Amino acid sequence: MNTKLLLFAGFTTGLALQLCSTAFAVPITVTDSALVGLTIPDNDLNGLASTIAVNTPFNAVTGVELTLNIVGGFNGDYYAYLQYNSGLVVLLNNLGGSPSNPYGSPGGGFNVTFSDSAANISTAPVTPGAPLTGTWAPQSGSLSTFNGLNPNGDWTLFIADESPGGVGTLENWSLEVTGNGSAAVPDTSSTAGLLALGVSLLALWSRVNRRPDSA
């Protein structure tokens, strides 16, 4: 009987082990958006704040992108930042402003995505009265400042119009937050061998069962 038990234990162990899987990290991107549709107070440093509650299946940020849609206004008037936890990145700050041009960019509105992989928004071409489009890096700082933070919580976009004239509307904005989730796959490097072992042990078990037990 001891021989049978050992063979059966080997067989069941082989079958169990072949089902083992390996966990590995995979990038996951979660997108959340806010439909705001509010006028940005003109010449008011108190500005306008909008919050997105982010809920992801991961607990550490590896990348952030933000899409901003502002209709109208005078682009050089705007100051905007994204804040979450200990991180803050300035997206806009008197874009195009200089000692000789204190009012900054005469563009009218934004439909842009902020990404660290793009050129700085201060280098963007300007068409007076027209919205700026495309993908640009923040004017000051890097979105990578959020890397490593747990993303699950309230992210806040703040925007203010710092000079009189040219009133705009924050139509909407969205966040793409990326982090590493986990996935499990069968360990194919050992499954075939374990399956063969299980089959062999099953054959031996059957043969032992067909002859008298000498133990």
N, C-alpha and C. Protein backbone atom coordinates (compact mmCIF):
# COMPACT_ATOMS: atom_id res chain seq x y z
N MET A 1 0.83 -1.22 0.00
CA MET A 1 0.00 0.00 0.00
C MET A 1 0.85 1.25 0.00
N ASN A 2 2.00 1.21 0.61
CA ASN A 2 2.88 2.37 0.62
C ASN A 2 3.29 2.76 -0.79
N THR A 3 3.56 1.74 -1.63
CA THR A 3 3.96 2.02 -3.02
C THR A 3 2.84 2.74 -3.75
N LYS A 4 1.62 2.29 -3.57
CA LYS A 4 0.48 2.93 -4.22
C LYS A 4 0.32 4.38 -3.79
N LEU A 5 0.44 4.58 -2.50
CA LEU A 5 0.26 5.94 -1.99
C LEU A 5 1.33 6.88 -2.52
N LEU A 6 2.54 6.42 -2.59
CA LEU A 6 3.62 7.27 -3.11
C LEU A 6 3.40 7.61 -4.57
N LEU A 7 3.01 6.61 -5.37
CA LEU A 7 2.76 6.86 -6.79
C LEU A 7 1.59 7.82 -6.98
N PHE A 8 0.54 7.61 -6.19
CA PHE A 8 -0.61 8.50 -6.31
C PHE A 8 -0.27 9.93 -5.90
N ALA A 9 0.53 10.07 -4.84
CA ALA A 9 0.96 11.40 -4.39
C ALA A 9 1.78 12.09 -5.49
N GLY A 10 2.66 11.33 -6.13
CA GLY A 10 3.46 11.91 -7.21
C GLY A 10 2.60 12.36 -8.36
N PHE A 11 1.61 11.55 -8.70
CA PHE A 11 0.72 11.90 -9.82
C PHE A 11 -0.06 13.17 -9.53
N THR A 12 -0.70 13.23 -8.35
CA THR A 12 -1.50 14.41 -8.02
C THR A 12 -0.64 15.66 -7.88
N THR A 13 0.56 15.51 -7.36
CA THR A 13 1.46 16.66 -7.26
C THR A 13 1.82 17.19 -8.64
N GLY A 14 2.07 16.26 -9.57
CA GLY A 14 2.39 16.69 -10.94
C GLY A 14 1.26 17.45 -11.58
N LEU A 15 0.04 16.94 -11.41
CA LEU A 15 -1.11 17.63 -11.98
C LEU A 15 -1.32 19.01 -11.36
N ALA A 16 -1.08 19.13 -10.06
CA ALA A 16 -1.25 20.42 -9.40
C ALA A 16 -0.20 21.41 -9.86
N LEU A 17 1.04 20.96 -9.96
CA LEU A 17 2.12 21.86 -10.34
C LEU A 17 1.97 22.37 -11.77
N GLN A 18 1.39 21.54 -12.66
CA GLN A 18 1.28 21.99 -14.04
C GLN A 18 0.31 23.16 -14.19
N LEU A 19 -0.54 23.34 -13.16
CA LEU A 19 -1.48 24.45 -13.20
C LEU A 19 -0.90 25.73 -12.62
N CYS A 20 0.35 25.68 -12.13
CA CYS A 20 0.98 26.87 -11.58
C CYS A 20 1.12 27.94 -12.65
N SER A 21 1.01 29.18 -12.25
CA SER A 21 1.12 30.29 -13.20
C SER A 21 2.17 31.27 -12.70
N THR A 22 2.61 32.10 -13.63
CA THR A 22 3.59 33.13 -13.31
C THR A 22 2.93 34.50 -13.42
N ALA A 23 3.04 35.32 -12.39
CA ALA A 23 2.48 36.68 -12.41
C ALA A 23 3.53 37.64 -12.95
N PHE A 24 3.08 38.57 -13.80
CA PHE A 24 3.99 39.57 -14.33
C PHE A 24 3.24 40.89 -14.51
N ALA A 25 3.99 41.99 -14.60
CA ALA A 25 3.39 43.32 -14.68
C ALA A 25 3.02 43.66 -16.12
N VAL A 26 1.85 44.27 -16.30
CA VAL A 26 1.42 44.75 -17.61
C VAL A 26 0.94 46.19 -17.46
N PRO A 27 1.24 47.06 -18.43
CA PRO A 27 0.78 48.45 -18.33
C PRO A 27 -0.73 48.55 -18.53
N ILE A 28 -1.37 49.33 -17.69
CA ILE A 28 -2.82 49.57 -17.77
C ILE A 28 -3.04 51.08 -17.78
N THR A 29 -3.87 51.56 -18.71
CA THR A 29 -4.20 52.98 -18.77
C THR A 29 -5.68 53.18 -18.49
N VAL A 30 -5.97 54.07 -17.57
CA VAL A 30 -7.35 54.40 -17.20
C VAL A 30 -7.62 55.85 -17.59
N THR A 31 -8.73 56.10 -18.28
CA THR A 31 -9.09 57.45 -18.70
C THR A 31 -10.34 57.91 -17.95
N ASP A 32 -10.27 59.09 -17.36
CA ASP A 32 -11.42 59.71 -16.70
C ASP A 32 -11.56 61.13 -17.22
N SER A 33 -12.79 61.62 -17.30
CA SER A 33 -13.02 62.95 -17.86
C SER A 33 -14.05 63.71 -17.04
N ALA A 34 -14.04 65.03 -17.23
CA ALA A 34 -14.99 65.92 -16.57
C ALA A 34 -15.59 66.87 -17.60
N LEU A 35 -16.91 66.89 -17.69
CA LEU A 35 -17.62 67.86 -18.52
C LEU A 35 -17.95 69.05 -17.63
N VAL A 36 -17.29 70.16 -17.88
CA VAL A 36 -17.40 71.30 -16.96
C VAL A 36 -18.37 72.35 -17.50
N GLY A 37 -18.04 72.94 -18.65
CA GLY A 37 -18.94 73.91 -19.27
C GLY A 37 -19.14 75.17 -18.45
N LEU A 38 -18.08 75.64 -17.75
CA LEU A 38 -18.20 76.84 -16.92
C LEU A 38 -17.30 77.95 -17.43
N THR A 39 -17.78 79.16 -17.30
CA THR A 39 -16.98 80.33 -17.68
C THR A 39 -15.82 80.51 -16.70
N ILE A 40 -14.65 80.76 -17.24
CA ILE A 40 -13.48 81.04 -16.40
C ILE A 40 -13.56 82.51 -15.98
N PRO A 41 -13.65 82.80 -14.69
CA PRO A 41 -13.83 84.20 -14.26
C PRO A 41 -12.74 85.10 -14.83
N ASP A 42 -13.16 86.20 -15.45
CA ASP A 42 -12.21 87.11 -16.10
C ASP A 42 -11.48 87.96 -15.05
N ASN A 43 -10.14 88.07 -15.23
CA ASN A 43 -9.33 88.92 -14.36
C ASN A 43 -9.55 88.59 -12.89
N ASP A 44 -9.50 87.27 -12.58
CA ASP A 44 -9.80 86.81 -11.23
C ASP A 44 -8.82 85.70 -10.85
N LEU A 45 -7.92 86.00 -9.92
CA LEU A 45 -6.91 85.02 -9.54
C LEU A 45 -7.48 83.84 -8.75
N ASN A 46 -8.74 83.98 -8.29
CA ASN A 46 -9.38 82.86 -7.59
C ASN A 46 -9.70 81.73 -8.56
N GLY A 47 -9.89 82.08 -9.82
CA GLY A 47 -10.01 81.10 -10.87
C GLY A 47 -11.14 80.09 -10.70
N LEU A 48 -10.92 78.94 -11.32
CA LEU A 48 -11.91 77.88 -11.38
C LEU A 48 -11.20 76.54 -11.17
N ALA A 49 -11.75 75.70 -10.30
CA ALA A 49 -11.16 74.39 -10.04
C ALA A 49 -12.15 73.30 -10.42
N SER A 50 -11.63 72.22 -11.01
CA SER A 50 -12.45 71.07 -11.37
C SER A 50 -11.71 69.82 -10.93
N THR A 51 -12.46 68.85 -10.39
CA THR A 51 -11.84 67.65 -9.82
C THR A 51 -12.34 66.39 -10.52
N ILE A 52 -11.42 65.48 -10.76
CA ILE A 52 -11.75 64.15 -11.28
C ILE A 52 -11.34 63.12 -10.24
N ALA A 53 -12.27 62.24 -9.88
CA ALA A 53 -11.98 61.14 -8.95
C ALA A 53 -11.49 59.95 -9.77
N VAL A 54 -10.24 59.58 -9.57
CA VAL A 54 -9.62 58.49 -10.32
C VAL A 54 -9.69 57.21 -9.52
N ASN A 55 -10.08 56.13 -10.19
CA ASN A 55 -10.14 54.82 -9.56
C ASN A 55 -9.51 53.81 -10.51
N THR A 56 -8.37 53.25 -10.12
CA THR A 56 -7.64 52.34 -10.99
C THR A 56 -7.38 51.01 -10.28
N PRO A 57 -7.00 49.97 -11.05
CA PRO A 57 -6.66 48.69 -10.43
C PRO A 57 -5.19 48.58 -10.02
N PHE A 58 -4.46 49.69 -10.09
CA PHE A 58 -3.05 49.66 -9.71
C PHE A 58 -2.78 50.71 -8.65
N ASN A 59 -1.60 50.67 -8.04
CA ASN A 59 -1.33 51.57 -6.91
C ASN A 59 -0.10 52.44 -7.09
N ALA A 60 0.43 52.51 -8.31
CA ALA A 60 1.58 53.38 -8.55
C ALA A 60 1.52 53.91 -9.99
N VAL A 61 1.63 55.22 -10.13
CA VAL A 61 1.58 55.86 -11.44
C VAL A 61 2.91 55.66 -12.18
N THR A 62 2.81 55.34 -13.48
CA THR A 62 4.01 55.32 -14.33
C THR A 62 3.93 56.35 -15.45
N GLY A 63 2.76 56.97 -15.63
CA GLY A 63 2.63 57.99 -16.66
C GLY A 63 1.29 58.70 -16.57
N VAL A 64 1.28 59.99 -16.95
CA VAL A 64 0.06 60.81 -16.93
C VAL A 64 0.02 61.67 -18.19
N GLU A 65 -1.16 61.75 -18.81
CA GLU A 65 -1.42 62.72 -19.87
C GLU A 65 -2.74 63.41 -19.56
N LEU A 66 -2.84 64.67 -19.94
CA LEU A 66 -4.03 65.47 -19.66
C LEU A 66 -4.48 66.16 -20.94
N THR A 67 -5.77 66.08 -21.24
CA THR A 67 -6.34 66.78 -22.39
C THR A 67 -7.22 67.92 -21.89
N LEU A 68 -7.01 69.10 -22.47
CA LEU A 68 -7.67 70.33 -22.01
C LEU A 68 -8.41 70.99 -23.16
N ASN A 69 -9.67 71.33 -22.92
CA ASN A 69 -10.48 71.99 -23.95
C ASN A 69 -11.06 73.28 -23.38
N ILE A 70 -10.46 74.40 -23.79
CA ILE A 70 -10.93 75.74 -23.41
C ILE A 70 -11.39 76.45 -24.68
N VAL A 71 -12.58 76.99 -24.64
CA VAL A 71 -13.11 77.71 -25.80
C VAL A 71 -13.04 79.21 -25.54
N GLY A 72 -12.36 79.92 -26.46
CA GLY A 72 -12.32 81.37 -26.39
C GLY A 72 -11.33 81.91 -25.37
N GLY A 73 -11.43 83.19 -25.14
CA GLY A 73 -10.52 83.86 -24.23
C GLY A 73 -9.24 84.30 -24.93
N PHE A 74 -8.29 84.78 -24.13
CA PHE A 74 -7.00 85.26 -24.63
C PHE A 74 -5.94 84.35 -23.98
N ASN A 75 -5.26 83.56 -24.79
CA ASN A 75 -4.42 82.50 -24.24
C ASN A 75 -3.32 82.99 -23.31
N GLY A 76 -2.80 84.17 -23.55
CA GLY A 76 -1.77 84.71 -22.67
C GLY A 76 -2.26 85.04 -21.28
N ASP A 77 -3.59 85.10 -21.10
CA ASP A 77 -4.17 85.43 -19.79
C ASP A 77 -4.17 84.24 -18.83
N TYR A 78 -4.06 83.03 -19.37
CA TYR A 78 -4.36 81.86 -18.56
C TYR A 78 -3.18 81.37 -17.72
N TYR A 79 -3.52 80.96 -16.50
CA TYR A 79 -2.60 80.25 -15.62
C TYR A 79 -3.33 78.97 -15.21
N ALA A 80 -2.68 77.81 -15.38
CA ALA A 80 -3.34 76.55 -15.06
C ALA A 80 -2.34 75.56 -14.50
N TYR A 81 -2.83 74.73 -13.59
CA TYR A 81 -1.98 73.66 -13.08
C TYR A 81 -2.82 72.42 -12.78
N LEU A 82 -2.12 71.27 -12.73
CA LEU A 82 -2.71 70.00 -12.31
C LEU A 82 -2.09 69.64 -10.98
N GLN A 83 -2.95 69.29 -10.01
CA GLN A 83 -2.45 68.94 -8.67
C GLN A 83 -3.03 67.62 -8.23
N TYR A 84 -2.18 66.79 -7.66
CA TYR A 84 -2.63 65.56 -7.01
C TYR A 84 -1.63 65.18 -5.92
N ASN A 85 -2.16 64.94 -4.73
CA ASN A 85 -1.31 64.52 -3.61
C ASN A 85 -0.15 65.50 -3.46
N SER A 86 1.08 65.01 -3.50
CA SER A 86 2.25 65.88 -3.30
C SER A 86 2.76 66.49 -4.60
N GLY A 87 2.10 66.18 -5.72
CA GLY A 87 2.58 66.65 -7.02
C GLY A 87 1.78 67.82 -7.57
N LEU A 88 2.47 68.76 -8.23
CA LEU A 88 1.81 69.89 -8.89
C LEU A 88 2.63 70.25 -10.13
N VAL A 89 1.96 70.36 -11.27
CA VAL A 89 2.62 70.71 -12.52
C VAL A 89 1.90 71.90 -13.15
N VAL A 90 2.67 72.93 -13.50
CA VAL A 90 2.09 74.12 -14.15
C VAL A 90 1.95 73.86 -15.64
N LEU A 91 0.72 73.88 -16.11
CA LEU A 91 0.46 73.62 -17.52
C LEU A 91 0.59 74.89 -18.36
N LEU A 92 0.09 75.99 -17.83
CA LEU A 92 0.09 77.28 -18.53
C LEU A 92 0.43 78.38 -17.55
N ASN A 93 1.21 79.37 -18.03
CA ASN A 93 1.52 80.52 -17.19
C ASN A 93 1.88 81.70 -18.09
N ASN A 94 0.85 82.52 -18.41
CA ASN A 94 1.08 83.70 -19.26
C ASN A 94 1.85 83.28 -20.52
N LEU A 95 1.26 82.29 -21.23
CA LEU A 95 1.91 81.71 -22.40
C LEU A 95 2.30 82.79 -23.41
N GLY A 96 3.56 82.79 -23.79
CA GLY A 96 4.06 83.77 -24.76
C GLY A 96 4.39 85.12 -24.18
N GLY A 97 4.22 85.27 -22.87
CA GLY A 97 4.49 86.57 -22.24
C GLY A 97 5.98 86.86 -22.16
N SER A 98 6.32 88.15 -22.27
CA SER A 98 7.71 88.60 -22.18
C SER A 98 7.70 90.07 -21.81
N PRO A 99 8.85 90.64 -21.44
CA PRO A 99 8.88 92.08 -21.10
C PRO A 99 8.34 92.95 -22.23
N SER A 100 8.58 92.54 -23.47
CA SER A 100 8.08 93.33 -24.60
C SER A 100 6.65 92.96 -24.99
N ASN A 101 6.14 91.83 -24.46
CA ASN A 101 4.78 91.39 -24.77
C ASN A 101 4.14 90.84 -23.50
N PRO A 102 3.82 91.71 -22.55
CA PRO A 102 3.35 91.25 -21.23
C PRO A 102 2.03 90.49 -21.27
N TYR A 103 1.24 90.71 -22.33
CA TYR A 103 -0.06 90.03 -22.40
C TYR A 103 0.04 88.64 -23.01
N GLY A 104 1.16 88.30 -23.59
CA GLY A 104 1.38 86.95 -24.08
C GLY A 104 0.64 86.59 -25.34
N SER A 105 0.41 85.32 -25.51
CA SER A 105 -0.14 84.75 -26.74
C SER A 105 -1.53 85.28 -27.05
N PRO A 106 -1.77 85.75 -28.30
CA PRO A 106 -3.10 86.23 -28.68
C PRO A 106 -4.01 85.13 -29.20
N GLY A 107 -3.58 83.86 -29.07
CA GLY A 107 -4.46 82.77 -29.47
C GLY A 107 -5.73 82.77 -28.66
N GLY A 108 -6.75 82.06 -29.16
CA GLY A 108 -8.05 82.04 -28.48
C GLY A 108 -8.53 80.64 -28.18
N GLY A 109 -8.11 80.09 -27.05
CA GLY A 109 -8.60 78.76 -26.64
C GLY A 109 -7.58 77.65 -26.85
N PHE A 110 -7.88 76.50 -26.24
CA PHE A 110 -6.99 75.34 -26.30
C PHE A 110 -7.80 74.07 -26.54
N ASN A 111 -7.32 73.23 -27.40
CA ASN A 111 -7.80 71.85 -27.49
C ASN A 111 -6.55 70.99 -27.63
N VAL A 112 -5.87 70.80 -26.51
CA VAL A 112 -4.53 70.22 -26.52
C VAL A 112 -4.42 69.06 -25.53
N THR A 113 -3.44 68.21 -25.79
CA THR A 113 -3.06 67.16 -24.85
C THR A 113 -1.68 67.48 -24.30
N PHE A 114 -1.54 67.40 -23.00
CA PHE A 114 -0.25 67.63 -22.36
C PHE A 114 0.43 66.28 -22.14
N SER A 115 1.64 66.16 -22.66
CA SER A 115 2.40 64.92 -22.55
C SER A 115 3.88 65.26 -22.44
N ASP A 116 4.60 64.58 -21.56
CA ASP A 116 6.03 64.84 -21.40
C ASP A 116 6.82 64.51 -22.66
N SER A 117 6.27 63.67 -23.53
CA SER A 117 7.02 63.24 -24.70
C SER A 117 7.01 64.27 -25.84
N ALA A 118 6.25 65.35 -25.68
CA ALA A 118 6.11 66.36 -26.75
C ALA A 118 6.99 67.58 -26.46
N ALA A 119 7.04 68.49 -27.44
CA ALA A 119 7.76 69.76 -27.27
C ALA A 119 7.01 70.66 -26.29
N ASN A 120 7.74 71.54 -25.62
CA ASN A 120 7.13 72.44 -24.65
C ASN A 120 6.11 73.35 -25.33
N ILE A 121 5.00 73.59 -24.63
CA ILE A 121 3.92 74.38 -25.22
C ILE A 121 4.34 75.82 -25.49
N SER A 122 5.39 76.28 -24.83
CA SER A 122 5.88 77.64 -25.08
C SER A 122 6.44 77.78 -26.50
N THR A 123 6.71 76.67 -27.18
CA THR A 123 7.24 76.71 -28.56
C THR A 123 6.14 76.56 -29.61
N ALA A 124 4.89 76.47 -29.17
CA ALA A 124 3.79 76.23 -30.11
C ALA A 124 3.55 77.44 -31.02
N PRO A 125 3.17 77.20 -32.27
CA PRO A 125 2.85 78.31 -33.18
C PRO A 125 1.58 79.03 -32.73
N VAL A 126 1.47 80.29 -33.07
CA VAL A 126 0.33 81.12 -32.62
C VAL A 126 -0.41 81.70 -33.82
N THR A 127 -1.73 81.49 -33.80
CA THR A 127 -2.61 82.17 -34.75
C THR A 127 -3.56 83.03 -33.94
N PRO A 128 -3.47 84.37 -34.05
CA PRO A 128 -4.32 85.25 -33.24
C PRO A 128 -5.79 84.88 -33.36
N GLY A 129 -6.45 84.76 -32.21
CA GLY A 129 -7.88 84.48 -32.16
C GLY A 129 -8.25 83.03 -32.39
N ALA A 130 -7.27 82.17 -32.74
CA ALA A 130 -7.58 80.77 -33.05
C ALA A 130 -7.13 79.87 -31.90
N PRO A 131 -7.83 78.74 -31.70
CA PRO A 131 -7.41 77.83 -30.62
C PRO A 131 -6.11 77.11 -30.96
N LEU A 132 -5.35 76.80 -29.93
CA LEU A 132 -4.14 76.01 -30.09
C LEU A 132 -4.52 74.54 -29.99
N THR A 133 -4.01 73.72 -30.91
CA THR A 133 -4.30 72.29 -30.90
C THR A 133 -2.98 71.50 -30.86
N GLY A 134 -3.10 70.19 -30.77
CA GLY A 134 -1.92 69.33 -30.81
C GLY A 134 -1.55 68.79 -29.43
N THR A 135 -0.37 68.19 -29.38
CA THR A 135 0.14 67.61 -28.14
C THR A 135 1.41 68.34 -27.73
N TRP A 136 1.46 68.76 -26.46
CA TRP A 136 2.55 69.60 -25.97
C TRP A 136 2.92 69.21 -24.54
N ALA A 137 4.17 69.47 -24.19
CA ALA A 137 4.60 69.29 -22.80
C ALA A 137 4.16 70.49 -21.97
N PRO A 138 3.96 70.32 -20.67
CA PRO A 138 3.58 71.44 -19.81
C PRO A 138 4.59 72.58 -19.90
N GLN A 139 4.10 73.81 -19.63
CA GLN A 139 4.98 74.98 -19.73
C GLN A 139 6.08 74.96 -18.67
N SER A 140 5.76 74.43 -17.48
CA SER A 140 6.75 74.39 -16.40
C SER A 140 6.60 73.10 -15.61
N GLY A 141 7.67 72.34 -15.50
CA GLY A 141 7.62 71.09 -14.77
C GLY A 141 7.30 69.92 -15.68
N SER A 142 7.18 68.75 -15.08
CA SER A 142 6.97 67.51 -15.82
C SER A 142 5.86 66.70 -15.19
N LEU A 143 5.06 66.06 -16.04
CA LEU A 143 4.00 65.20 -15.52
C LEU A 143 4.56 63.96 -14.83
N SER A 144 5.83 63.69 -15.03
CA SER A 144 6.46 62.57 -14.35
C SER A 144 6.59 62.81 -12.84
N THR A 145 6.30 64.03 -12.40
CA THR A 145 6.32 64.31 -10.96
C THR A 145 5.31 63.45 -10.21
N PHE A 146 4.29 62.94 -10.96
CA PHE A 146 3.27 62.10 -10.32
C PHE A 146 3.68 60.63 -10.28
N ASN A 147 4.74 60.27 -10.98
CA ASN A 147 5.16 58.87 -11.04
C ASN A 147 5.47 58.33 -9.64
N GLY A 148 4.99 57.13 -9.40
CA GLY A 148 5.21 56.49 -8.11
C GLY A 148 4.11 56.73 -7.10
N LEU A 149 3.27 57.76 -7.33
CA LEU A 149 2.17 58.03 -6.41
C LEU A 149 1.04 57.04 -6.63
N ASN A 150 0.29 56.75 -5.57
CA ASN A 150 -0.94 55.99 -5.73
C ASN A 150 -1.97 56.89 -6.41
N PRO A 151 -2.50 56.50 -7.59
CA PRO A 151 -3.33 57.41 -8.36
C PRO A 151 -4.77 57.52 -7.88
N ASN A 152 -5.18 56.68 -6.96
CA ASN A 152 -6.59 56.58 -6.62
C ASN A 152 -7.02 57.67 -5.63
N GLY A 153 -7.74 58.64 -6.17
CA GLY A 153 -8.16 59.79 -5.39
C GLY A 153 -8.55 60.94 -6.29
N ASP A 154 -8.66 62.13 -5.72
CA ASP A 154 -9.13 63.31 -6.45
C ASP A 154 -7.96 64.08 -7.07
N TRP A 155 -8.01 64.24 -8.40
CA TRP A 155 -7.06 65.06 -9.15
C TRP A 155 -7.73 66.38 -9.50
N THR A 156 -7.03 67.49 -9.32
CA THR A 156 -7.64 68.80 -9.49
C THR A 156 -6.94 69.60 -10.57
N LEU A 157 -7.74 70.12 -11.49
CA LEU A 157 -7.27 71.09 -12.48
C LEU A 157 -7.71 72.47 -12.01
N PHE A 158 -6.75 73.39 -11.90
CA PHE A 158 -7.06 74.78 -11.56
C PHE A 158 -6.69 75.65 -12.74
N ILE A 159 -7.56 76.61 -13.06
CA ILE A 159 -7.27 77.55 -14.14
C ILE A 159 -7.81 78.93 -13.78
N ALA A 160 -6.99 79.95 -14.05
CA ALA A 160 -7.38 81.33 -13.76
C ALA A 160 -7.07 82.21 -14.97
N ASP A 161 -7.90 83.23 -15.15
CA ASP A 161 -7.68 84.27 -16.16
C ASP A 161 -7.13 85.48 -15.40
N GLU A 162 -5.86 85.83 -15.69
CA GLU A 162 -5.16 86.81 -14.87
C GLU A 162 -5.27 88.25 -15.35
N SER A 163 -5.90 88.48 -16.51
CA SER A 163 -5.97 89.85 -17.05
C SER A 163 -7.37 90.12 -17.59
N PRO A 164 -7.79 91.38 -17.65
CA PRO A 164 -9.13 91.69 -18.15
C PRO A 164 -9.23 91.53 -19.66
N GLY A 165 -10.44 91.20 -20.10
CA GLY A 165 -10.70 91.07 -21.54
C GLY A 165 -10.49 89.66 -22.03
N GLY A 166 -11.34 89.22 -22.96
CA GLY A 166 -11.20 87.89 -23.54
C GLY A 166 -11.64 86.80 -22.59
N VAL A 167 -12.95 86.55 -22.51
CA VAL A 167 -13.50 85.57 -21.57
C VAL A 167 -13.60 84.20 -22.24
N GLY A 168 -13.13 83.16 -21.53
CA GLY A 168 -13.17 81.80 -22.06
C GLY A 168 -13.99 80.86 -21.19
N THR A 169 -14.24 79.67 -21.73
CA THR A 169 -15.02 78.65 -21.04
C THR A 169 -14.22 77.34 -20.97
N LEU A 170 -14.14 76.77 -19.78
CA LEU A 170 -13.57 75.45 -19.63
C LEU A 170 -14.66 74.43 -19.98
N GLU A 171 -14.57 73.89 -21.19
CA GLU A 171 -15.61 72.97 -21.66
C GLU A 171 -15.45 71.59 -21.01
N ASN A 172 -14.26 71.03 -21.07
CA ASN A 172 -14.03 69.71 -20.50
C ASN A 172 -12.53 69.45 -20.39
N TRP A 173 -12.19 68.42 -19.66
CA TRP A 173 -10.81 67.97 -19.57
C TRP A 173 -10.81 66.50 -19.19
N SER A 174 -9.70 65.82 -19.46
CA SER A 174 -9.62 64.40 -19.15
C SER A 174 -8.20 64.02 -18.76
N LEU A 175 -8.11 62.91 -18.04
CA LEU A 175 -6.82 62.37 -17.60
C LEU A 175 -6.66 60.95 -18.13
N GLU A 176 -5.46 60.66 -18.58
CA GLU A 176 -5.05 59.28 -18.84
C GLU A 176 -3.95 58.94 -17.85
N VAL A 177 -4.23 58.01 -16.96
CA VAL A 177 -3.27 57.61 -15.94
C VAL A 177 -2.85 56.17 -16.21
N THR A 178 -1.55 55.95 -16.29
CA THR A 178 -1.02 54.61 -16.58
C THR A 178 -0.25 54.07 -15.37
N GLY A 179 -0.40 52.78 -15.14
CA GLY A 179 0.36 52.11 -14.08
C GLY A 179 0.51 50.65 -14.44
N ASN A 180 1.18 49.90 -13.61
CA ASN A 180 1.41 48.48 -13.85
C ASN A 180 0.44 47.63 -13.05
N GLY A 181 -0.39 46.87 -13.78
CA GLY A 181 -1.23 45.87 -13.14
C GLY A 181 -0.54 44.53 -13.21
N SER A 182 -1.22 43.48 -12.76
CA SER A 182 -0.62 42.15 -12.80
C SER A 182 -1.50 41.21 -13.60
N ALA A 183 -0.85 40.27 -14.28
CA ALA A 183 -1.55 39.23 -15.02
C ALA A 183 -0.87 37.91 -14.74
N ALA A 184 -1.64 36.83 -14.86
CA ALA A 184 -1.08 35.50 -14.60
C ALA A 184 -1.22 34.64 -15.84
N VAL A 185 -0.17 33.95 -16.21
CA VAL A 185 -0.20 33.03 -17.35
C VAL A 185 0.40 31.71 -16.91
N PRO A 186 -0.03 30.60 -17.53
CA PRO A 186 0.57 29.31 -17.18
C PRO A 186 2.07 29.32 -17.44
N ASP A 187 2.79 28.63 -16.58
CA ASP A 187 4.24 28.52 -16.76
C ASP A 187 4.51 27.45 -17.80
N THR A 188 4.51 27.85 -19.07
CA THR A 188 4.63 26.89 -20.17
C THR A 188 6.00 26.23 -20.22
N SER A 189 6.98 26.80 -19.56
CA SER A 189 8.32 26.21 -19.58
C SER A 189 8.36 24.88 -18.84
N SER A 190 7.44 24.67 -17.90
CA SER A 190 7.47 23.43 -17.12
C SER A 190 6.21 22.61 -17.25
N THR A 191 5.15 23.15 -17.84
CA THR A 191 3.87 22.45 -17.90
C THR A 191 3.98 21.14 -18.66
N ALA A 192 4.67 21.15 -19.82
CA ALA A 192 4.75 19.94 -20.64
C ALA A 192 5.45 18.81 -19.89
N GLY A 193 6.55 19.15 -19.21
CA GLY A 193 7.27 18.14 -18.46
C GLY A 193 6.45 17.57 -17.32
N LEU A 194 5.72 18.45 -16.62
CA LEU A 194 4.90 17.99 -15.51
C LEU A 194 3.75 17.13 -15.98
N LEU A 195 3.17 17.46 -17.13
CA LEU A 195 2.09 16.66 -17.67
C LEU A 195 2.59 15.26 -18.03
N ALA A 196 3.79 15.20 -18.64
CA ALA A 196 4.36 13.90 -18.98
C ALA A 196 4.60 13.07 -17.73
N LEU A 197 5.09 13.72 -16.67
CA LEU A 197 5.31 13.03 -15.41
C LEU A 197 4.01 12.48 -14.86
N GLY A 198 2.96 13.28 -14.92
CA GLY A 198 1.67 12.83 -14.41
C GLY A 198 1.15 11.64 -15.18
N VAL A 199 1.29 11.65 -16.51
CA VAL A 199 0.83 10.52 -17.32
C VAL A 199 1.59 9.26 -16.98
N SER A 200 2.91 9.35 -16.83
CA SER A 200 3.73 8.19 -16.49
C SER A 200 3.32 7.61 -15.14
N LEU A 201 3.12 8.49 -14.17
CA LEU A 201 2.73 8.02 -12.85
C LEU A 201 1.36 7.37 -12.85
N LEU A 202 0.45 7.89 -13.68
CA LEU A 202 -0.87 7.29 -13.78
C LEU A 202 -0.78 5.87 -14.35
N ALA A 203 0.11 5.68 -15.35
CA ALA A 203 0.29 4.35 -15.92
C ALA A 203 0.83 3.38 -14.88
N LEU A 204 1.82 3.83 -14.11
CA LEU A 204 2.39 2.98 -13.06
C LEU A 204 1.34 2.65 -12.00
N TRP A 205 0.54 3.62 -11.65
CA TRP A 205 -0.53 3.40 -10.65
C TRP A 205 -1.50 2.34 -11.12
N SER A 206 -1.84 2.36 -12.41
CA SER A 206 -2.77 1.38 -12.95
C SER A 206 -2.17 -0.02 -12.90
N ARG A 207 -0.86 -0.14 -13.24
CA ARG A 207 -0.22 -1.46 -13.22
C ARG A 207 -0.14 -2.00 -11.79
N VAL A 208 0.16 -1.16 -10.85
CA VAL A 208 0.25 -1.60 -9.46
C VAL A 208 -1.11 -2.09 -8.98
N ASN A 209 -2.16 -1.42 -9.40
CA ASN A 209 -3.50 -1.79 -8.99
C ASN A 209 -3.93 -3.16 -9.53
N ARG A 210 -3.33 -3.59 -10.64
CA ARG A 210 -3.74 -4.84 -11.28
C ARG A 210 -3.04 -6.06 -10.71
N ARG A 211 -2.04 -5.91 -9.83
CA ARG A 211 -1.37 -7.06 -9.25
C ARG A 211 -1.55 -7.03 -7.72
N PRO A 212 -1.48 -8.15 -7.11
CA PRO A 212 -1.66 -8.21 -5.63
C PRO A 212 -0.65 -7.33 -4.95
N ASP A 213 -1.08 -6.75 -3.87
CA ASP A 213 -0.20 -5.91 -3.06
C ASP A 213 0.70 -6.79 -2.20
N SER A 214 2.02 -6.67 -2.40
CA SER A 214 2.96 -7.50 -1.65
C SER A 214 3.43 -6.87 -0.37
N ALA A 215 2.97 -5.61 -0.10
CA ALA A 215 3.42 -4.91 1.10
C ALA A 215 2.83 -5.54 2.35
